[in-house]
Amino acid sequence: RHYRIDGPINEPKGAGGRKPDLWLGGGGEKVTLKLVAKYA
């Protein structure tokens, strides 16, 4: 609804062939913490 991407190439993805560590801030119990469990 808010964003779309259509095949963007992101190289390099990070150092040493690995992705960066993703830190999510906020204590929203229904959205943010669920996103932490799934992605962060």
All heavy atoms as atom14 arrays in JSON, in Angstrom:
{
  "sequence": "RHYRIDGPINEPKGAGGRKPDLWLGGGGEKVTLKLVAKYA",
  "atom14_mask": [
    [1, 1, 1, 1, 1, 1, 1, 1, 1, 1, 1, 0, 0, 0],
    [1, 1, 1, 1, 1, 1, 1, 1, 1, 1, 0, 0, 0, 0],
    [1, 1, 1, 1, 1, 1, 1, 1, 1, 1, 1, 1, 0, 0],
    [1, 1, 1, 1, 1, 1, 1, 1, 1, 1, 1, 0, 0, 0],
    [1, 1, 1, 1, 1, 1, 1, 1, 0, 0, 0, 0, 0, 0],
    [1, 1, 1, 1, 1, 1, 1, 1, 0, 0, 0, 0, 0, 0],
    [1, 1, 1, 1, 0, 0, 0, 0, 0, 0, 0, 0, 0, 0],
    [1, 1, 1, 1, 1, 1, 1, 0, 0, 0, 0, 0, 0, 0],
    [1, 1, 1, 1, 1, 1, 1, 1, 0, 0, 0, 0, 0, 0],
    [1, 1, 1, 1, 1, 1, 1, 1, 0, 0, 0, 0, 0, 0],
    [1, 1, 1, 1, 1, 1, 1, 1, 1, 0, 0, 0, 0, 0],
    [1, 1, 1, 1, 1, 1, 1, 0, 0, 0, 0, 0, 0, 0],
    [1, 1, 1, 1, 1, 1, 1, 1, 1, 0, 0, 0, 0, 0],
    [1, 1, 1, 1, 0, 0, 0, 0, 0, 0, 0, 0, 0, 0],
    [1, 1, 1, 1, 1, 0, 0, 0, 0, 0, 0, 0, 0, 0],
    [1, 1, 1, 1, 0, 0, 0, 0, 0, 0, 0, 0, 0, 0],
    [1, 1, 1, 1, 0, 0, 0, 0, 0, 0, 0, 0, 0, 0],
    [1, 1, 1, 1, 1, 1, 1, 1, 1, 1, 1, 0, 0, 0],
    [1, 1, 1, 1, 1, 1, 1, 1, 1, 0, 0, 0, 0, 0],
    [1, 1, 1, 1, 1, 1, 1, 0, 0, 0, 0, 0, 0, 0],
    [1, 1, 1, 1, 1, 1, 1, 1, 0, 0, 0, 0, 0, 0],
    [1, 1, 1, 1, 1, 1, 1, 1, 0, 0, 0, 0, 0, 0],
    [1, 1, 1, 1, 1, 1, 1, 1, 1, 1, 1, 1, 1, 1],
    [1, 1, 1, 1, 1, 1, 1, 1, 0, 0, 0, 0, 0, 0],
    [1, 1, 1, 1, 0, 0, 0, 0, 0, 0, 0, 0, 0, 0],
    [1, 1, 1, 1, 0, 0, 0, 0, 0, 0, 0, 0, 0, 0],
    [1, 1, 1, 1, 0, 0, 0, 0, 0, 0, 0, 0, 0, 0],
    [1, 1, 1, 1, 0, 0, 0, 0, 0, 0, 0, 0, 0, 0],
    [1, 1, 1, 1, 1, 1, 1, 1, 1, 0, 0, 0, 0, 0],
    [1, 1, 1, 1, 1, 1, 1, 1, 1, 0, 0, 0, 0, 0],
    [1, 1, 1, 1, 1, 1, 1, 0, 0, 0, 0, 0, 0, 0],
    [1, 1, 1, 1, 1, 1, 1, 0, 0, 0, 0, 0, 0, 0],
    [1, 1, 1, 1, 1, 1, 1, 1, 0, 0, 0, 0, 0, 0],
    [1, 1, 1, 1, 1, 1, 1, 1, 1, 0, 0, 0, 0, 0],
    [1, 1, 1, 1, 1, 1, 1, 1, 0, 0, 0, 0, 0, 0],
    [1, 1, 1, 1, 1, 1, 1, 0, 0, 0, 0, 0, 0, 0],
    [1, 1, 1, 1, 1, 0, 0, 0, 0, 0, 0, 0, 0, 0],
    [1, 1, 1, 1, 1, 1, 1, 1, 1, 0, 0, 0, 0, 0],
    [1, 1, 1, 1, 1, 1, 1, 1, 1, 1, 1, 1, 0, 0],
    [1, 1, 1, 1, 1, 0, 0, 0, 0, 0, 0, 0, 0, 0]
  ],
  "atom14_positions": [
    [[0.82, -1.2, 0.0], [0.0, 0.0, 0.0], [0.86, 1.26, 0.0], [0.5, 2.27, -0.6], [-0.91, -0.01, 1.23], [-1.76, 1.22, 1.42], [-2.7, 1.03, 2.58], [-3.44, 2.25, 2.89], [-4.37, 2.35, 3.84], [-4.68, 1.29, 4.57], [-4.98, 3.5, 4.07], [0.0, 0.0, 0.0], [0.0, 0.0, 0.0], [0.0, 0.0, 0.0]],
    [[2.01, 1.19, 0.66], [2.87, 2.37, 0.8], [4.11, 2.33, -0.08], [4.6, 3.38, -0.51], [3.3, 2.51, 2.27], [2.16, 2.77, 3.2], [1.69, 4.03, 3.46], [1.39, 1.92, 3.92], [0.68, 3.96, 4.31], [0.48, 2.69, 4.61], [0.0, 0.0, 0.0], [0.0, 0.0, 0.0], [0.0, 0.0, 0.0], [0.0, 0.0, 0.0]],
    [[4.64, 1.13, -0.33], [5.88, 1.0, -1.08], [5.77, -0.13, -2.1], [5.02, -1.08, -1.9], [7.05, 0.69, -0.14], [7.23, 1.65, 1.0], [7.0, 1.25, 2.32], [7.65, 2.96, 0.79], [7.18, 2.12, 3.38], [7.83, 3.84, 1.84], [7.58, 3.42, 3.13], [7.76, 4.28, 4.17], [0.0, 0.0, 0.0], [0.0, 0.0, 0.0]],
    [[6.57, 0.0, -3.13], [6.72, -1.11, -4.07], [8.15, -1.12, -4.58], [8.8, -0.08, -4.69], [5.74, -1.01, -5.23], [5.99, 0.15, -6.17], [4.97, 0.16, -7.31], [5.22, 1.26, -8.24], [6.06, 1.19, -9.26], [6.74, 0.07, -9.48], [6.23, 2.22, -10.05], [0.0, 0.0, 0.0], [0.0, 0.0, 0.0], [0.0, 0.0, 0.0]],
    [[8.65, -2.31, -4.88], [9.95, -2.46, -5.53], [9.78, -3.46, -6.66], [8.97, -4.37, -6.58], [11.05, -2.91, -4.56], [10.64, -4.18, -3.79], [11.42, -1.8, -3.59], [11.76, -4.77, -2.93], [0.0, 0.0, 0.0], [0.0, 0.0, 0.0], [0.0, 0.0, 0.0], [0.0, 0.0, 0.0], [0.0, 0.0, 0.0], [0.0, 0.0, 0.0]],
    [[10.55, -3.29, -7.71], [10.41, -4.13, -8.89], [11.78, -4.62, -9.35], [12.37, -4.09, -10.3], [9.72, -3.35, -10.01], [9.38, -4.22, -11.21], [9.41, -5.47, -11.07], [9.08, -3.67, -12.28], [0.0, 0.0, 0.0], [0.0, 0.0, 0.0], [0.0, 0.0, 0.0], [0.0, 0.0, 0.0], [0.0, 0.0, 0.0], [0.0, 0.0, 0.0]],
    [[12.32, -5.57, -8.6], [13.57, -6.2, -8.99], [14.82, -5.37, -8.79], [15.74, -5.46, -9.62], [0.0, 0.0, 0.0], [0.0, 0.0, 0.0], [0.0, 0.0, 0.0], [0.0, 0.0, 0.0], [0.0, 0.0, 0.0], [0.0, 0.0, 0.0], [0.0, 0.0, 0.0], [0.0, 0.0, 0.0], [0.0, 0.0, 0.0], [0.0, 0.0, 0.0]],
    [[14.93, -4.55, -7.74], [16.16, -3.77, -7.54], [17.35, -4.67, -7.22], [17.22, -5.66, -6.49], [15.81, -2.88, -6.35], [14.81, -3.67, -5.57], [13.99, -4.38, -6.6], [0.0, 0.0, 0.0], [0.0, 0.0, 0.0], [0.0, 0.0, 0.0], [0.0, 0.0, 0.0], [0.0, 0.0, 0.0], [0.0, 0.0, 0.0], [0.0, 0.0, 0.0]],
    [[18.49, -4.33, -7.78], [19.73, -5.05, -7.52], [20.47, -4.32, -6.41], [20.78, -3.14, -6.54], [20.6, -5.15, -8.78], [19.86, -5.93, -9.86], [21.96, -5.8, -8.45], [20.52, -5.89, -11.22], [0.0, 0.0, 0.0], [0.0, 0.0, 0.0], [0.0, 0.0, 0.0], [0.0, 0.0, 0.0], [0.0, 0.0, 0.0], [0.0, 0.0, 0.0]],
    [[20.75, -5.0, -5.32], [21.46, -4.4, -4.19], [22.74, -5.18, -3.96], [22.77, -6.17, -3.23], [20.59, -4.42, -2.93], [21.31, -3.81, -1.74], [22.12, -2.91, -1.9], [21.02, -4.29, -0.55], [0.0, 0.0, 0.0], [0.0, 0.0, 0.0], [0.0, 0.0, 0.0], [0.0, 0.0, 0.0], [0.0, 0.0, 0.0], [0.0, 0.0, 0.0]],
    [[23.8, -4.74, -4.6], [25.11, -5.38, -4.44], [26.15, -4.33, -4.12], [26.15, -3.26, -4.74], [25.49, -6.14, -5.72], [24.62, -7.34, -6.03], [24.73, -8.44, -4.99], [25.77, -8.48, -4.27], [23.78, -9.23, -4.87], [0.0, 0.0, 0.0], [0.0, 0.0, 0.0], [0.0, 0.0, 0.0], [0.0, 0.0, 0.0], [0.0, 0.0, 0.0]],
    [[27.03, -4.58, -3.2], [27.03, -5.74, -2.31], [25.98, -5.59, -1.22], [25.61, -4.48, -0.86], [28.44, -5.7, -1.71], [28.76, -4.22, -1.68], [28.13, -3.64, -2.9], [0.0, 0.0, 0.0], [0.0, 0.0, 0.0], [0.0, 0.0, 0.0], [0.0, 0.0, 0.0], [0.0, 0.0, 0.0], [0.0, 0.0, 0.0], [0.0, 0.0, 0.0]],
    [[25.52, -6.7, -0.72], [24.5, -6.66, 0.33], [25.1, -6.33, 1.7], [24.4, -5.86, 2.59], [23.74, -7.99, 0.39], [22.87, -8.21, -0.85], [22.16, -9.53, -0.8], [21.1, -9.65, -1.88], [21.6, -9.38, -3.24], [0.0, 0.0, 0.0], [0.0, 0.0, 0.0], [0.0, 0.0, 0.0], [0.0, 0.0, 0.0], [0.0, 0.0, 0.0]],
    [[26.38, -6.58, 1.85], [27.06, -6.29, 3.09], [28.48, -6.82, 3.02], [28.9, -7.36, 2.0], [0.0, 0.0, 0.0], [0.0, 0.0, 0.0], [0.0, 0.0, 0.0], [0.0, 0.0, 0.0], [0.0, 0.0, 0.0], [0.0, 0.0, 0.0], [0.0, 0.0, 0.0], [0.0, 0.0, 0.0], [0.0, 0.0, 0.0], [0.0, 0.0, 0.0]],
    [[29.21, -6.65, 4.11], [30.59, -7.12, 4.15], [30.65, -8.63, 4.35], [29.79, -9.2, 5.02], [31.34, -6.42, 5.28], [0.0, 0.0, 0.0], [0.0, 0.0, 0.0], [0.0, 0.0, 0.0], [0.0, 0.0, 0.0], [0.0, 0.0, 0.0], [0.0, 0.0, 0.0], [0.0, 0.0, 0.0], [0.0, 0.0, 0.0], [0.0, 0.0, 0.0]],
    [[31.63, -9.24, 3.73], [31.86, -10.66, 3.96], [30.77, -11.58, 3.46], [30.61, -12.7, 3.96], [0.0, 0.0, 0.0], [0.0, 0.0, 0.0], [0.0, 0.0, 0.0], [0.0, 0.0, 0.0], [0.0, 0.0, 0.0], [0.0, 0.0, 0.0], [0.0, 0.0, 0.0], [0.0, 0.0, 0.0], [0.0, 0.0, 0.0], [0.0, 0.0, 0.0]],
    [[29.97, -11.11, 2.5], [28.92, -11.94, 1.94], [27.74, -12.16, 2.84], [26.96, -13.1, 2.64], [0.0, 0.0, 0.0], [0.0, 0.0, 0.0], [0.0, 0.0, 0.0], [0.0, 0.0, 0.0], [0.0, 0.0, 0.0], [0.0, 0.0, 0.0], [0.0, 0.0, 0.0], [0.0, 0.0, 0.0], [0.0, 0.0, 0.0], [0.0, 0.0, 0.0]],
    [[27.56, -11.32, 3.86], [26.42, -11.45, 4.76], [25.68, -10.12, 4.84], [26.23, -9.07, 4.56], [26.88, -11.86, 6.17], [27.86, -10.89, 6.79], [28.2, -11.25, 8.23], [27.07, -11.1, 9.11], [26.68, -9.95, 9.65], [27.31, -8.82, 9.37], [25.66, -9.9, 10.47], [0.0, 0.0, 0.0], [0.0, 0.0, 0.0], [0.0, 0.0, 0.0]],
    [[24.41, -10.19, 5.24], [23.62, -8.98, 5.38], [23.98, -8.24, 6.66], [24.49, -8.84, 7.62], [22.13, -9.32, 5.38], [21.64, -9.98, 6.65], [20.14, -10.16, 6.62], [19.62, -10.66, 7.97], [19.78, -9.66, 9.05], [0.0, 0.0, 0.0], [0.0, 0.0, 0.0], [0.0, 0.0, 0.0], [0.0, 0.0, 0.0], [0.0, 0.0, 0.0]],
    [[23.72, -6.93, 6.74], [23.92, -6.22, 8.01], [22.95, -6.71, 9.08], [21.9, -7.29, 8.78], [23.6, -4.76, 7.63], [23.72, -4.69, 6.14], [23.31, -6.04, 5.64], [0.0, 0.0, 0.0], [0.0, 0.0, 0.0], [0.0, 0.0, 0.0], [0.0, 0.0, 0.0], [0.0, 0.0, 0.0], [0.0, 0.0, 0.0], [0.0, 0.0, 0.0]],
    [[23.3, -6.46, 10.33], [22.39, -6.76, 11.43], [21.28, -5.71, 11.45], [21.55, -4.51, 11.4], [23.14, -6.72, 12.77], [23.98, -7.97, 12.99], [23.83, -8.93, 12.22], [24.78, -7.97, 13.94], [0.0, 0.0, 0.0], [0.0, 0.0, 0.0], [0.0, 0.0, 0.0], [0.0, 0.0, 0.0], [0.0, 0.0, 0.0], [0.0, 0.0, 0.0]],
    [[20.03, -6.18, 11.56], [18.89, -5.27, 11.59], [18.39, -5.14, 13.02], [18.0, -6.12, 13.66], [17.77, -5.8, 10.69], [16.49, -4.96, 10.65], [16.78, -3.57, 10.12], [15.42, -5.65, 9.8], [0.0, 0.0, 0.0], [0.0, 0.0, 0.0], [0.0, 0.0, 0.0], [0.0, 0.0, 0.0], [0.0, 0.0, 0.0], [0.0, 0.0, 0.0]],
    [[18.38, -3.9, 13.53], [17.87, -3.58, 14.86], [16.57, -2.8, 14.69], [16.55, -1.78, 13.99], [18.87, -2.72, 15.63], [20.11, -3.44, 16.06], [20.99, -4.12, 15.26], [20.62, -3.53, 17.39], [22.01, -4.63, 16.01], [21.82, -4.28, 17.32], [20.2, -3.04, 18.61], [22.59, -4.56, 18.45], [20.95, -3.31, 19.74], [22.15, -4.07, 19.66]],
    [[15.51, -3.26, 15.32], [14.24, -2.55, 15.27], [13.98, -1.9, 16.62], [14.1, -2.53, 17.67], [13.09, -3.5, 14.91], [13.18, -4.15, 13.54], [11.92, -4.98, 13.27], [13.39, -3.13, 12.42], [0.0, 0.0, 0.0], [0.0, 0.0, 0.0], [0.0, 0.0, 0.0], [0.0, 0.0, 0.0], [0.0, 0.0, 0.0], [0.0, 0.0, 0.0]],
    [[13.63, -0.61, 16.59], [13.37, 0.13, 17.81], [11.88, 0.31, 18.05], [11.11, 0.49, 17.11], [0.0, 0.0, 0.0], [0.0, 0.0, 0.0], [0.0, 0.0, 0.0], [0.0, 0.0, 0.0], [0.0, 0.0, 0.0], [0.0, 0.0, 0.0], [0.0, 0.0, 0.0], [0.0, 0.0, 0.0], [0.0, 0.0, 0.0], [0.0, 0.0, 0.0]],
    [[11.49, 0.25, 19.31], [10.09, 0.44, 19.67], [9.53, -0.8, 20.32], [9.95, -1.92, 20.04], [0.0, 0.0, 0.0], [0.0, 0.0, 0.0], [0.0, 0.0, 0.0], [0.0, 0.0, 0.0], [0.0, 0.0, 0.0], [0.0, 0.0, 0.0], [0.0, 0.0, 0.0], [0.0, 0.0, 0.0], [0.0, 0.0, 0.0], [0.0, 0.0, 0.0]],
    [[8.53, -0.59, 21.17], [7.97, -1.71, 21.91], [6.55, -2.04, 21.55], [5.85, -2.7, 22.33], [0.0, 0.0, 0.0], [0.0, 0.0, 0.0], [0.0, 0.0, 0.0], [0.0, 0.0, 0.0], [0.0, 0.0, 0.0], [0.0, 0.0, 0.0], [0.0, 0.0, 0.0], [0.0, 0.0, 0.0], [0.0, 0.0, 0.0], [0.0, 0.0, 0.0]],
    [[6.09, -1.61, 20.36], [4.73, -1.93, 19.94], [4.51, -3.43, 19.94], [5.23, -4.17, 19.27], [0.0, 0.0, 0.0], [0.0, 0.0, 0.0], [0.0, 0.0, 0.0], [0.0, 0.0, 0.0], [0.0, 0.0, 0.0], [0.0, 0.0, 0.0], [0.0, 0.0, 0.0], [0.0, 0.0, 0.0], [0.0, 0.0, 0.0], [0.0, 0.0, 0.0]],
    [[3.52, -3.87, 20.69], [3.37, -5.31, 20.93], [2.73, -6.05, 19.77], [2.98, -7.25, 19.59], [2.58, -5.53, 22.23], [3.31, -4.96, 23.44], [2.59, -5.21, 24.75], [1.53, -5.89, 24.73], [3.07, -4.74, 25.8], [0.0, 0.0, 0.0], [0.0, 0.0, 0.0], [0.0, 0.0, 0.0], [0.0, 0.0, 0.0], [0.0, 0.0, 0.0]],
    [[1.9, -5.37, 18.98], [1.19, -6.05, 17.89], [1.97, -6.02, 16.58], [1.83, -6.95, 15.78], [-0.18, -5.42, 17.69], [-1.13, -5.61, 18.86], [-2.49, -5.0, 18.58], [-3.45, -5.21, 19.74], [-4.79, -4.59, 19.48], [0.0, 0.0, 0.0], [0.0, 0.0, 0.0], [0.0, 0.0, 0.0], [0.0, 0.0, 0.0], [0.0, 0.0, 0.0]],
    [[2.75, -4.96, 16.36], [3.46, -4.83, 15.08], [4.97, -4.95, 15.26], [5.59, -5.89, 14.75], [3.12, -3.49, 14.39], [3.92, -3.36, 13.08], [1.63, -3.4, 14.09], [0.0, 0.0, 0.0], [0.0, 0.0, 0.0], [0.0, 0.0, 0.0], [0.0, 0.0, 0.0], [0.0, 0.0, 0.0], [0.0, 0.0, 0.0], [0.0, 0.0, 0.0]],
    [[5.56, -4.03, 16.01], [7.03, -3.96, 16.06], [7.66, -5.24, 16.6], [8.58, -5.8, 16.0], [7.48, -2.76, 16.88], [6.93, -1.56, 16.32], [8.99, -2.66, 16.89], [0.0, 0.0, 0.0], [0.0, 0.0, 0.0], [0.0, 0.0, 0.0], [0.0, 0.0, 0.0], [0.0, 0.0, 0.0], [0.0, 0.0, 0.0], [0.0, 0.0, 0.0]],
    [[7.18, -5.71, 17.73], [7.8, -6.9, 18.33], [7.55, -8.16, 17.49], [8.37, -9.08, 17.48], [7.32, -7.08, 19.76], [7.77, -5.97, 20.72], [7.23, -6.2, 22.12], [9.3, -5.87, 20.75], [0.0, 0.0, 0.0], [0.0, 0.0, 0.0], [0.0, 0.0, 0.0], [0.0, 0.0, 0.0], [0.0, 0.0, 0.0], [0.0, 0.0, 0.0]],
    [[6.44, -8.19, 16.78], [6.2, -9.3, 15.86], [7.18, -9.24, 14.7], [7.68, -10.28, 14.24], [4.75, -9.25, 15.35], [4.35, -10.46, 14.53], [2.88, -10.42, 14.19], [2.45, -11.66, 13.42], [0.98, -11.63, 13.11], [0.0, 0.0, 0.0], [0.0, 0.0, 0.0], [0.0, 0.0, 0.0], [0.0, 0.0, 0.0], [0.0, 0.0, 0.0]],
    [[7.48, -8.03, 14.22], [8.46, -7.87, 13.15], [9.86, -8.26, 13.62], [10.64, -8.83, 12.87], [8.47, -6.42, 12.65], [7.23, -5.98, 11.86], [7.27, -4.47, 11.63], [7.13, -6.72, 10.53], [0.0, 0.0, 0.0], [0.0, 0.0, 0.0], [0.0, 0.0, 0.0], [0.0, 0.0, 0.0], [0.0, 0.0, 0.0], [0.0, 0.0, 0.0]],
    [[10.17, -7.94, 14.87], [11.45, -8.36, 15.45], [11.58, -9.88, 15.39], [12.6, -10.41, 14.95], [11.59, -7.87, 16.91], [12.82, -8.51, 17.56], [11.7, -6.35, 16.96], [0.0, 0.0, 0.0], [0.0, 0.0, 0.0], [0.0, 0.0, 0.0], [0.0, 0.0, 0.0], [0.0, 0.0, 0.0], [0.0, 0.0, 0.0], [0.0, 0.0, 0.0]],
    [[10.52, -10.56, 15.82], [10.56, -12.02, 15.84], [10.72, -12.61, 14.44], [11.36, -13.64, 14.26], [9.28, -12.56, 16.49], [0.0, 0.0, 0.0], [0.0, 0.0, 0.0], [0.0, 0.0, 0.0], [0.0, 0.0, 0.0], [0.0, 0.0, 0.0], [0.0, 0.0, 0.0], [0.0, 0.0, 0.0], [0.0, 0.0, 0.0], [0.0, 0.0, 0.0]],
    [[10.16, -11.93, 13.45], [10.16, -12.48, 12.09], [11.41, -12.11, 11.3], [11.93, -12.92, 10.53], [8.92, -11.99, 11.35], [8.71, -12.66, 10.0], [7.36, -12.3, 9.41], [7.11, -13.05, 8.1], [5.78, -12.71, 7.52], [0.0, 0.0, 0.0], [0.0, 0.0, 0.0], [0.0, 0.0, 0.0], [0.0, 0.0, 0.0], [0.0, 0.0, 0.0]],
    [[11.91, -10.87, 11.5], [12.96, -10.38, 10.59], [14.24, -9.9, 11.27], [15.29, -9.86, 10.61], [12.41, -9.2, 9.77], [11.31, -9.54, 8.82], [10.02, -9.05, 9.01], [11.54, -10.34, 7.7], [8.99, -9.34, 8.13], [10.53, -10.63, 6.81], [9.24, -10.13, 7.02], [8.25, -10.43, 6.15], [0.0, 0.0, 0.0], [0.0, 0.0, 0.0]],
    [[14.19, -9.48, 12.52], [15.3, -8.7, 13.08], [16.33, -9.54, 13.8], [16.08, -10.68, 14.21], [14.75, -7.63, 14.03], [0.0, 0.0, 0.0], [0.0, 0.0, 0.0], [0.0, 0.0, 0.0], [0.0, 0.0, 0.0], [0.0, 0.0, 0.0], [0.0, 0.0, 0.0], [0.0, 0.0, 0.0], [0.0, 0.0, 0.0], [0.0, 0.0, 0.0]]
  ]
}
